[in-house]
Structures are given as structure tokens and as C-alpha cells.
Protein backbone atom coordinates (compact mmCIF):
# COMPACT_ATOMS: atom_id res chain seq x y z
CA MET A 1 -12.67 -30.03 15.09
CA THR A 2 -14.50 -31.39 18.48
CA GLY A 3 -16.15 -29.73 21.05
CA PHE A 4 -16.41 -25.95 20.07
CA ASP A 5 -19.72 -24.16 19.63
CA PHE A 6 -18.89 -21.61 16.89
CA SER A 7 -22.55 -19.80 16.78
CA SER A 8 -21.53 -17.14 18.58
CA ILE A 9 -18.97 -15.71 16.13
CA GLU A 10 -19.71 -17.08 12.57
CA PRO A 11 -21.49 -15.43 9.58
CA TYR A 12 -25.30 -16.14 9.52
CA THR A 13 -26.20 -19.80 8.63
CA PRO A 14 -28.97 -20.82 5.81
CA ASN A 15 -31.52 -20.64 9.17
CA GLU A 16 -30.35 -16.82 10.30
CA VAL A 17 -30.17 -15.27 6.77
CA PRO A 18 -34.14 -14.73 6.20
CA LYS A 19 -34.71 -12.54 9.21
CA ALA A 20 -31.59 -11.19 8.50
CA ILE A 21 -32.21 -9.63 5.26
CA ILE A 22 -35.61 -8.60 6.48
CA ARG A 23 -34.11 -6.47 9.36
CA LEU A 24 -31.50 -4.88 6.78
CA ALA A 25 -33.94 -4.33 3.86
CA HIS A 26 -36.41 -2.52 6.05
CA ASN A 27 -33.93 -0.42 7.94
CA PRO A 28 -33.91 2.95 6.84
CA MET A 29 -30.29 4.12 7.65
CA PHE A 30 -29.04 0.99 5.22
CA GLY A 31 -31.79 1.98 2.73
CA ARG A 32 -30.34 5.65 3.09
CA TRP A 33 -26.96 4.36 2.48
CA VAL A 34 -27.61 2.22 -0.46
CA ARG A 35 -29.11 5.71 -2.17
CA THR A 36 -26.28 7.31 -1.69
CA MET A 37 -24.00 5.07 -3.26
CA ASN A 38 -26.38 4.64 -6.05
CA PRO A 39 -28.73 7.46 -6.12
CA ASN A 40 -30.35 5.99 -8.86
CA VAL A 41 -31.95 2.69 -7.13
CA ASP A 42 -35.12 1.88 -7.10
CA ALA A 43 -35.79 1.43 -3.15
CA GLU A 44 -38.89 -0.76 -3.87
CA ALA A 45 -36.79 -2.75 -6.57
CA PHE A 46 -34.54 -3.19 -4.17
CA ALA A 47 -35.79 -4.11 -1.28
CA SER A 48 -37.85 -7.03 -2.84
CA LEU A 49 -34.16 -8.26 -4.50
CA MET A 50 -33.19 -8.34 -0.96
CA GLU A 51 -36.09 -10.57 0.10
CA CYS A 52 -35.15 -12.93 -2.24
CA ILE A 53 -31.87 -13.89 -0.76
CA THR A 54 -31.59 -16.76 0.92
CA THR A 55 -27.66 -17.38 1.46
CA CYS A 56 -24.42 -15.00 2.53
CA ASP A 57 -23.32 -16.00 -0.93
CA GLU A 58 -26.25 -14.55 -2.89
CA PHE A 59 -26.10 -11.93 -0.56
CA GLN A 60 -22.43 -11.08 -1.57
CA TYR A 61 -23.03 -11.44 -5.32
CA MET A 62 -26.48 -9.63 -5.45
CA VAL A 63 -26.22 -6.60 -3.39
CA MET A 64 -22.24 -6.50 -1.77
CA ARG A 65 -20.62 -6.64 -5.58
CA PRO A 66 -22.71 -4.01 -7.11
CA LEU A 67 -22.59 -1.71 -4.34
CA VAL A 68 -18.65 -2.04 -3.96
CA TYR A 69 -18.71 -1.09 -7.77
CA GLN A 70 -20.51 1.92 -6.71
CA ILE A 71 -18.04 2.70 -4.11
CA ALA A 72 -14.90 2.13 -6.42
CA LYS A 73 -17.07 4.43 -9.17
CA ARG A 74 -17.72 7.51 -6.38
CA SER A 75 -14.07 7.30 -4.66
CA MET A 76 -11.45 5.75 -6.98
CA ASP A 77 -9.72 6.58 -9.97
CA ASN A 78 -9.02 2.79 -11.10
CA PHE A 79 -9.05 -0.29 -9.44
CA THR A 80 -6.72 -2.99 -11.21
CA TYR A 81 -5.54 -6.51 -9.58
CA SER A 82 -2.85 -9.06 -10.32
CA GLY A 83 -2.00 -12.28 -9.72
CA LEU A 84 -5.23 -14.18 -9.69
CA GLU A 85 -2.70 -17.14 -11.64
CA ASN A 86 -1.38 -17.43 -8.08
CA ILE A 87 -4.46 -19.26 -6.81
CA LYS A 88 -6.65 -21.97 -8.15
CA LYS A 89 -10.59 -22.28 -8.16
CA ASN A 90 -11.23 -25.42 -6.16
CA GLU A 91 -8.74 -24.92 -3.58
CA THR A 92 -9.15 -23.53 -0.19
CA TYR A 93 -6.51 -20.98 0.97
CA LEU A 94 -5.35 -18.54 4.19
CA PHE A 95 -5.48 -15.13 2.90
CA VAL A 96 -3.17 -13.05 4.93
CA SER A 97 -3.66 -9.04 4.12
CA ASN A 98 -2.05 -5.85 5.47
CA HIS A 99 -4.78 -3.92 6.56
CA ARG A 100 -5.55 -0.40 5.19
CA ASP A 101 -9.04 0.12 5.42
CA ILE A 102 -11.57 -1.30 8.12
CA THR A 103 -14.32 -2.99 5.23
CA LEU A 104 -12.69 -2.31 1.68
CA ASP A 105 -9.51 -4.20 1.92
CA ALA A 106 -11.89 -7.78 2.08
CA ALA A 107 -14.40 -6.51 0.23
CA LEU A 108 -12.37 -5.43 -2.84
CA LEU A 109 -11.27 -9.23 -2.55
CA ASP A 110 -14.39 -10.60 -2.73
CA VAL A 111 -15.18 -8.44 -5.94
CA ILE A 112 -12.04 -9.83 -7.58
CA LEU A 113 -12.64 -13.52 -6.73
CA LEU A 114 -16.57 -12.92 -7.43
CA SER A 115 -16.17 -11.52 -10.57
CA ASN A 116 -13.87 -14.62 -11.86
CA GLY A 117 -16.05 -17.28 -10.33
CA ILE A 118 -13.90 -18.36 -7.15
CA LYS A 119 -15.73 -18.54 -3.98
CA THR A 120 -14.89 -15.83 -1.30
CA PRO A 121 -13.09 -16.46 1.96
CA GLU A 122 -14.75 -15.90 5.29
CA ILE A 123 -13.51 -12.78 6.63
CA GLY A 124 -12.18 -12.05 10.48
CA PHE A 125 -12.92 -8.68 11.91
CA GLY A 126 -12.55 -7.53 15.56
CA ASN A 127 -15.68 -7.39 18.23
CA ASN A 128 -14.91 -3.66 18.58
CA LEU A 129 -16.89 -3.59 15.30
CA MET A 130 -20.00 -5.45 15.88
CA LYS A 131 -21.69 -2.83 18.10
CA ASN A 132 -24.75 -1.59 15.72
CA GLU A 133 -27.40 -3.78 14.61
CA MET A 134 -27.20 -2.90 10.69
CA ILE A 135 -23.23 -3.28 10.90
CA VAL A 136 -23.65 -6.53 12.62
CA ASP A 137 -26.37 -7.87 10.33
CA ILE A 138 -24.23 -6.49 7.27
CA PHE A 139 -20.87 -8.03 8.39
CA ARG A 140 -22.32 -11.69 9.18
CA LEU A 141 -24.31 -11.27 5.98
CA ASN A 142 -20.52 -10.70 4.19
CA LYS A 143 -19.06 -13.96 5.85
CA MET A 144 -17.44 -12.13 7.95
CA PHE A 145 -16.65 -13.96 11.51
CA THR A 146 -15.78 -12.51 15.03
CA ILE A 147 -12.47 -12.19 16.36
CA ILE A 148 -12.58 -11.70 19.77
CA ARG A 149 -9.68 -9.04 21.20
CA ASP A 150 -10.83 -8.08 25.11
CA GLY A 151 -10.62 -9.64 28.07
CA SER A 152 -7.84 -11.24 30.25
CA ARG A 153 -4.83 -12.53 29.82
CA ARG A 154 -6.25 -16.30 30.11
CA GLU A 155 -9.35 -15.14 27.91
CA PHE A 156 -7.20 -13.90 25.54
CA TYR A 157 -5.51 -17.23 25.37
CA ASN A 158 -8.84 -19.19 25.15
CA ASN A 159 -9.94 -17.10 22.78
CA SER A 160 -6.70 -17.43 20.96
CA VAL A 161 -7.28 -21.60 20.74
CA PHE A 162 -11.01 -21.03 19.67
CA LEU A 163 -10.25 -18.66 16.96
CA SER A 164 -7.45 -20.77 15.77
CA ASN A 165 -10.23 -23.68 15.45
CA TYR A 166 -12.52 -22.15 13.99
CA ILE A 167 -9.87 -21.10 11.21
CA GLN A 168 -8.99 -24.97 10.80
CA HIS A 169 -12.82 -25.58 10.80
CA VAL A 170 -13.70 -23.38 7.98
CA LEU A 171 -10.76 -24.46 5.84
CA PHE A 172 -10.69 -28.01 6.16
CA GLU A 173 -14.53 -29.04 7.48
CA LYS A 174 -16.36 -25.99 5.78
CA ASN A 175 -13.81 -25.83 2.58
CA ASN A 176 -14.02 -22.34 2.63
CA SER A 177 -10.84 -19.89 2.37
CA VAL A 178 -10.27 -17.26 4.91
CA TRP A 179 -9.28 -13.84 4.94
CA ILE A 180 -7.53 -12.44 7.99
CA ALA A 181 -5.42 -9.23 8.62
CA GLN A 182 -1.61 -9.53 9.10
CA ARG A 183 -1.93 -7.59 12.45
CA ASN A 184 -4.49 -6.60 14.96
CA GLY A 185 -5.90 -3.26 13.31
CA ARG A 186 -5.10 -1.29 10.42
CA THR A 187 -1.49 0.23 9.46
CA LYS A 188 -1.40 3.74 10.23
CA ASP A 189 2.00 4.41 10.16
CA GLY A 190 2.47 2.63 6.47
CA ASP A 191 4.54 0.03 8.13
CA ASP A 192 2.57 -3.55 7.06
CA LYS A 193 4.42 -5.93 9.46
CA THR A 194 2.91 -9.20 10.27
CA ASP A 195 2.19 -9.95 14.15
CA GLN A 196 4.24 -13.23 15.36
CA GLY A 197 1.60 -14.02 17.55
CA LEU A 198 -1.35 -14.02 14.49
CA LEU A 199 1.35 -17.07 13.18
CA LYS A 200 1.22 -18.43 16.74
CA MET A 201 -2.81 -18.71 16.58
CA PHE A 202 -2.43 -20.17 13.47
CA SER A 203 -0.47 -23.39 14.92
CA MET A 204 -2.64 -23.64 18.19
CA ALA A 205 -5.22 -26.46 16.58
CA GLY A 206 -2.84 -27.87 14.55
CA THR A 207 -0.52 -31.19 15.44
CA GLY A 208 2.63 -29.54 16.62
CA ASP A 209 4.47 -30.18 13.35
CA PHE A 210 5.15 -26.64 12.53
CA GLU A 211 6.30 -27.58 8.80
CA ALA A 212 3.02 -29.92 8.28
CA ASP A 213 0.64 -27.47 9.83
CA PHE A 214 1.80 -24.40 7.90
CA ASN A 215 2.03 -26.26 4.56
CA LYS A 216 -2.14 -27.66 5.36
CA LEU A 217 -3.15 -24.00 5.81
CA LYS A 218 -1.40 -22.59 2.28
CA ILE A 219 -0.63 -19.15 3.77
CA VAL A 220 -1.54 -16.31 0.54
CA PRO A 221 -0.24 -12.75 1.67
CA VAL A 222 -2.35 -10.34 -0.30
CA ALA A 223 -1.06 -6.71 -0.94
CA ILE A 224 -3.63 -3.57 -1.19
CA SER A 225 -2.26 -0.03 -1.72
CA TYR A 226 -4.08 3.18 -2.21
CA GLU A 227 -2.58 5.73 -3.84
CA TYR A 228 -4.63 7.94 -1.21
CA GLU A 229 -4.66 6.19 2.33
CA PRO A 230 -8.23 5.67 3.31
CA CYS A 231 -8.89 7.69 6.42
CA GLY A 232 -4.93 9.22 6.33
CA THR A 233 -5.89 12.42 8.25
CA ILE A 234 -7.52 10.46 10.95
CA LYS A 235 -4.66 8.13 10.83
CA ALA A 236 -1.89 10.82 10.95
CA LEU A 237 -4.22 12.35 13.99
CA THR A 238 -4.21 9.34 15.61
CA THR A 239 -0.81 8.57 15.81
CA TYR A 240 0.31 11.99 16.67
CA THR A 241 -1.78 12.39 19.85
CA SER A 242 -0.94 8.60 20.69
CA MET A 243 2.47 9.60 20.86
CA MET A 244 1.93 12.80 23.20
CA GLY A 245 0.20 10.38 25.50
CA ILE A 246 -3.42 11.81 24.97
CA TYR A 247 -5.45 9.84 22.63
CA GLU A 248 -8.65 8.22 23.81
CA LYS A 249 -10.84 6.21 21.24
CA THR A 250 -14.10 7.43 21.11
CA GLN A 251 -17.22 5.24 21.37
CA HIS A 252 -18.46 5.49 17.39
CA GLU A 253 -15.01 5.92 16.04
CA ASP A 254 -14.92 2.76 14.48
CA LEU A 255 -18.06 3.37 12.55
CA LEU A 256 -17.17 6.87 11.54
CA SER A 257 -13.77 5.26 10.16
CA ILE A 258 -16.18 2.97 7.97
CA MET A 259 -17.85 5.27 6.47
CA MET A 260 -15.24 7.49 5.94
CA GLY A 261 -13.01 5.11 4.12
CA ILE A 262 -15.61 4.19 1.99
CA SER A 263 -16.75 7.58 0.86
CA GLN A 264 -13.28 9.47 0.84
CA TYR A 265 -10.97 10.04 -2.54
CA LYS A 266 -8.54 6.89 -2.63
CA GLY A 267 -7.31 7.44 -6.30
CA ASN A 268 -5.57 4.33 -7.96
CA VAL A 269 -6.35 1.25 -5.79
CA HIS A 270 -4.69 -1.96 -6.37
CA ILE A 271 -4.86 -5.55 -4.91
CA ASN A 272 -1.97 -8.39 -5.51
CA ILE A 273 -2.38 -11.86 -4.56
CA CYS A 274 0.93 -12.80 -3.92
CA LYS A 275 2.52 -15.99 -4.68
CA PRO A 276 1.78 -18.91 -1.62
CA ILE A 277 4.31 -19.53 1.05
CA SER A 278 6.01 -22.55 -0.66
CA GLU A 279 6.66 -25.90 1.37
CA GLU A 280 10.59 -25.09 0.43
CA GLU A 281 9.79 -21.64 2.35
CA VAL A 282 8.17 -23.53 5.19
CA ALA A 283 10.83 -26.10 5.61
CA ASP A 284 13.88 -23.38 5.89
CA CYS A 285 11.65 -21.82 8.80
CA ASN A 286 11.37 -25.34 10.48
CA ARG A 287 15.29 -25.84 10.89
CA LEU A 288 15.46 -22.78 12.94
CA ASN A 289 14.60 -22.91 16.59
CA LYS A 290 10.82 -22.41 17.90
CA ASN A 291 10.71 -18.82 18.30
CA GLU A 292 12.54 -17.94 15.37
CA LYS A 293 10.27 -20.11 13.34
CA TYR A 294 7.70 -17.89 13.31
CA THR A 295 9.96 -14.72 12.78
CA ALA A 296 11.48 -16.12 9.54
CA LEU A 297 7.63 -16.74 8.28
CA ALA A 298 6.62 -13.36 9.48
CA HIS A 299 9.45 -11.78 7.58
CA ILE A 300 8.78 -13.93 4.63
CA ILE A 301 5.07 -13.21 4.52
CA ASP A 302 6.23 -9.34 4.84
CA ASP A 303 8.32 -9.60 1.75
CA ARG A 304 5.78 -10.72 -0.44
CA ILE A 305 3.19 -8.28 0.95
CA HIS A 306 6.27 -5.31 0.94
CA SER A 307 7.01 -6.19 -2.91
CA GLY A 308 4.06 -6.90 -4.10
CA TYR A 309 3.08 -3.64 -3.17
CA LYS A 310 1.75 -1.14 -5.80
CA LEU A 311 3.89 1.57 -5.33
CA HIS A 312 1.86 4.92 -6.50
CA LYS A 313 2.91 8.73 -7.26
CA THR A 314 2.10 9.99 -3.78
CA ASN A 315 4.77 7.07 -2.30
CA TYR A 316 7.53 8.11 -4.35
CA ILE A 317 6.73 12.28 -3.78
CA ALA A 318 6.63 11.54 0.03
CA ALA A 319 9.90 9.37 -0.50
CA ASP A 320 11.71 12.37 -1.89
CA MET A 321 9.78 14.83 0.47
CA LEU A 322 11.22 12.78 3.72
CA GLY A 323 14.84 12.46 2.48
CA ASP A 324 14.60 15.98 0.72
CA GLU A 325 16.04 14.76 -2.26
CA VAL A 326 15.08 14.30 -5.53
CA ARG A 327 15.69 10.31 -6.75
CA TYR A 328 11.95 9.17 -7.76
CA ASP A 329 10.97 12.13 -10.03
CA GLU A 330 10.47 10.00 -12.87
CA HIS A 331 7.21 8.47 -11.54
CA TYR A 332 5.29 11.49 -11.27
CA SER A 333 5.04 15.20 -12.18
CA THR A 334 5.02 18.54 -10.96
CA GLU A 335 1.13 18.61 -11.28
CA ASP A 336 1.18 15.76 -9.02
CA LEU A 337 3.32 17.13 -6.51
CA GLU A 338 1.36 20.11 -6.29
CA LYS A 339 -1.61 17.73 -5.69
CA PHE A 340 0.25 15.56 -3.06
CA ILE A 341 1.66 18.96 -1.05
CA THR A 342 -2.20 20.72 -1.37
CA PHE A 343 -3.57 17.41 0.07
CA ALA A 344 -0.58 17.04 3.12
CA ASP A 345 -1.12 21.10 3.86
CA ASN A 346 -4.69 20.19 4.52
CA VAL A 347 -3.36 17.61 7.08
CA GLN A 348 -0.93 19.64 8.40
CA PHE A 349 -3.37 22.32 9.28
CA GLN A 350 -5.05 20.28 11.78
CA GLY A 351 -1.81 20.74 13.79
CA PRO A 352 -2.95 23.25 17.09
CA SER A 353 0.95 24.51 17.06
CA MET A 354 3.62 24.99 14.61
CA ALA A 355 5.40 22.23 16.43
CA ALA A 356 2.35 19.93 16.05
CA LYS A 357 2.04 20.74 12.32
CA ASP A 358 5.85 19.67 11.64
CA LYS A 359 5.23 16.43 13.66
CA LEU A 360 2.04 15.63 11.27
CA MET A 361 3.85 16.16 8.49
CA ASP A 362 6.72 14.00 9.16
CA ILE A 363 4.03 11.45 10.27
CA LEU A 364 1.82 11.83 6.96
CA LEU A 365 5.15 11.86 4.46
CA ASP A 366 6.68 8.63 6.92
CA MET A 367 3.10 7.18 5.99
CA TYR A 368 3.32 7.26 2.40
CA ALA A 369 7.05 6.49 2.04
CA LYS A 370 7.18 3.52 4.28
CA PRO A 371 6.11 1.25 1.17
CA VAL A 372 9.04 2.39 -0.73
CA ILE A 373 11.17 1.91 2.09
CA ASN A 374 10.11 -1.46 2.71
CA ALA A 375 10.29 -2.29 -1.06
CA GLU A 376 13.87 -0.71 -1.38
CA LYS A 377 14.74 -2.97 1.54
CA VAL A 378 13.35 -6.36 0.31
CA LYS A 379 15.59 -5.55 -3.16
CA THR A 380 18.62 -5.06 -1.20
CA ASP A 381 18.37 -8.21 1.05
CA ASN A 382 17.24 -10.18 -1.68
């Protein structure tokens, strides 16, 4: 890659790490957050540990890994994973993941990889999140690069070319994997779908040979599933107000969602590292016309994620409630049902009117039932 200066979007370089570490180690808000996650931490010892860090990899292993373990301990019943056999330690991949929580989706994958001696990916995050100095330091120390999402159509195109070249730079020059969400923003309706525009962006820095370019990228779909959706109430309310045409994003909404996603109860959580997209599948896509190639490739990624998504009791309960039937009751108990109904009632309570309450219930049930519907569709189609 020539002609691009990636310094404005890339993670901190080794030269930038020491100053960022000092800023973070002495940031009172960061200290409070760490003590919230681990009340037994020794503040002075932790600050000393921080100041020994010289690279982003060290920051991930020495700071983020134990913090994410604490988050899992405090907010999850179980955290499990599968599919590690689908990747090799010394190869780089383009992880394309469904996106349910702003920070935890990628952070939990990092913990899996770190715990198995595998190098963690650089992580793509929108520039809308980069508005707080502490958040910027945490993100860039955590190997996150910035995706610029605003601007005119021309600026959007130029930013897409820039991002495409950066991803190739990371994969083939820095020899590091990349994690990126399958679409812009979190899935709020439970329907995990890959944006074809994302796939077209991937190819912008390629040779123009669809088959060669996508085989080289080695796309690995990743499916993350939460028994209780992070920020599920906010997602339902946001979907409702958007439908009513009255939704406006507040100034600190993203920061609030980050903190709520970290702290709220999530039940059982699972990550499945799916099988990479094969050369045969890319070849099948390449036989189609230009736009259909991307549609077919997106469909393959979606099928991997939908079939790899670990369905929880909440998903089966919502599917039965939405369909007003008892089809999946072998997957949950009466106690599980009562627990979910209590949770749903609390969300429904947020509605200002009876009509709003009913609509909120439909939105919530659809959010939780959609993974079951998608998984059944994959079985039917195949």
C-alpha cells in the first residue's frame, strides 16, 4: 500500500503507548471504573503495573484480559466458546462478526484468542465513539482503528477506499488479523444481516479479480449470542421511537450504552468462530453477475452466523410467545418462562400508552425470536 497515511485512524504505535498509558493510569474516571469491576484491586500496584506497559499487546494481556474476566464474572452466568479449530495460530483472518454490544463482542473474542496463545485482531470502531479522551486511549491501546462514517457522499466513498486499503495494510503488511462488524452499528432487532456495502468496501483496494481478492482476505464469520441482550431495553425503545419518527440520538448515548452493556446482566454468553469462507464458495459467487456476487457472499456469511448462533432459552421462549404456540418448550422450564415474562414486563412498562406497551412487547419478542427464525430458515434452505 502506498500513498496513504494511516496515522489518524490506527491503534497507538509503540512510540505513542507510554504517554497514553500515563494518561490512563492517572485518569480518576478510569481508576473508578477499574475498582468497580474489581473492588479488591490495589490502586498503587495497578498504576505501577500500567506504567510497565510498552505495547498494545501488553495492554490487552495485562489490563484488558483480567478486566474482561471480571466483567464476565459479574454480569454473566457462563461464558463459552467454540470453533477454535477453524483458525490457525500463525495465519491472519478477516473476522466478520454479528454485533450486539459496542465493546464486549470484540473484547470477548480477544480474551478467547489471548487465552489460547493466538494474536488478537485489530478492531474496527466508528468515529462516533471517539469523543472522550479516556475512551480514545482505551480503544487505541486495545488495537482499535477508527472507521469514519460521517461526511458527504464523496467523502464517504473516499473514506471507504481509505479503510479498504487500511484493512489490507493490516492483513498483509502488519500481518495482523482484523475484526469488523457485519454492518454499521449494533443489531437492534435481532436480525443479524451482512451489509453488502461492507463487502464492496473490502474489494476497493483489491485487484478487481473477485475470486482472488476474497480468497486472499480469508473471511471468518463470528457469531456471538447473549441470553439477555446487552442494552435490550434501550434497543427496544430506540426501535419503537424510530418507528414513530421521534428518535434523536442524545449526546452521551453511546457512552451510556458502553457502560450499560458492560454492567448489565447477560446470562449465558457464547462465541462461535465459524468455518472460513471457502475457495469453492467464493468461486460459486464469482459465477454470478457483479451485484449478485456480493449478495451471494453476504448470504453465505449470514448463514454461517445464523447457524452458528447459540440459541438460548430466551430465544426459544420469545419464539413461542411471538407465535402464540408451544413449539420449543423442551428448551426451557416454567421457571425460565416466568423469569423472561418478568423481564419483558419491565421493558413493556416503559411504554407511555397501552398501544406503545403492546408494540414494545412485539419488538422485544421479535428481537429475541429472530435468531430462532433465522436458524430454522438456514435448515430449510439447506
